[in-house]
Amino acid sequence: MERQRLQHVLGMHLSETNNRPDLARRALAAGLGCIPEDTEIATQEDGFGWRELR
């Protein structure tokens, strides 16, 4: 995936009962070749906040 202009990565549609957000975040980061802190997981309860695009 071309990531040069990528600003935000969110993991979504995780099962509340079958997924652990920390594992999903690490898997997402591994697939993108970045560190987990560069990704975020949206929860079913809270969703995610607004993002600013540059």
Protein backbone atom coordinates (compact mmCIF):
# COMPACT_ATOMS: atom_id res chain seq x y z
CA MET A 1 0.00 0.00 0.00
CA GLU A 2 1.28 3.47 -0.87
CA ARG A 3 1.46 5.29 2.46
CA GLN A 4 3.31 8.46 1.53
CA ARG A 5 0.22 10.67 1.91
CA LEU A 6 -1.65 8.51 4.44
CA GLN A 7 -2.56 10.52 7.52
CA HIS A 8 -4.79 8.28 9.64
CA VAL A 9 -5.38 4.54 10.00
CA LEU A 10 -8.33 3.23 12.01
CA GLY A 11 -9.21 -0.37 12.75
CA MET A 12 -12.98 -0.81 12.65
CA HIS A 13 -15.76 -3.39 12.83
CA LEU A 14 -14.17 -5.38 15.65
CA SER A 15 -16.31 -7.79 17.60
CA GLU A 16 -16.69 -6.73 21.24
CA THR A 17 -16.56 -10.35 22.38
CA ASN A 18 -14.05 -11.95 20.03
CA ASN A 19 -11.36 -9.32 19.44
CA ARG A 20 -8.85 -7.63 21.68
CA PRO A 21 -8.12 -4.06 20.56
CA ASP A 22 -4.41 -4.32 21.46
CA LEU A 23 -3.97 -7.41 19.26
CA ALA A 24 -5.95 -5.86 16.41
CA ARG A 25 -3.83 -2.71 16.61
CA ARG A 26 -0.58 -4.70 16.50
CA ALA A 27 -1.83 -6.77 13.55
CA LEU A 28 -2.90 -3.64 11.68
CA ALA A 29 0.49 -2.02 12.30
CA ALA A 30 2.34 -5.15 11.17
CA GLY A 31 0.33 -5.22 7.94
CA LEU A 32 1.12 -1.56 7.28
CA GLY A 33 4.76 -1.79 8.34
CA CYS A 34 4.42 0.83 11.06
CA ILE A 35 4.33 0.94 14.85
CA PRO A 36 1.04 0.35 16.72
CA GLU A 37 1.05 3.95 17.98
CA ASP A 38 0.54 5.06 14.36
CA THR A 39 -2.85 3.30 14.28
CA GLU A 40 -6.05 3.52 16.27
CA ILE A 41 -8.93 1.16 16.97
CA ALA A 42 -12.50 2.48 16.90
CA THR A 43 -14.72 0.88 19.53
CA GLN A 44 -18.38 -0.02 19.12
CA GLU A 45 -19.18 2.00 22.22
CA ASP A 46 -17.17 5.17 21.53
CA GLY A 47 -16.37 5.05 17.82
CA PHE A 48 -13.56 7.51 17.14
CA GLY A 49 -13.04 11.25 17.29
CA TRP A 50 -12.71 13.76 14.50
CA ARG A 51 -9.52 13.77 12.46
CA GLU A 52 -7.83 16.81 10.94
CA LEU A 53 -6.60 16.34 7.38
CA ARG A 54 -3.72 18.39 6.07
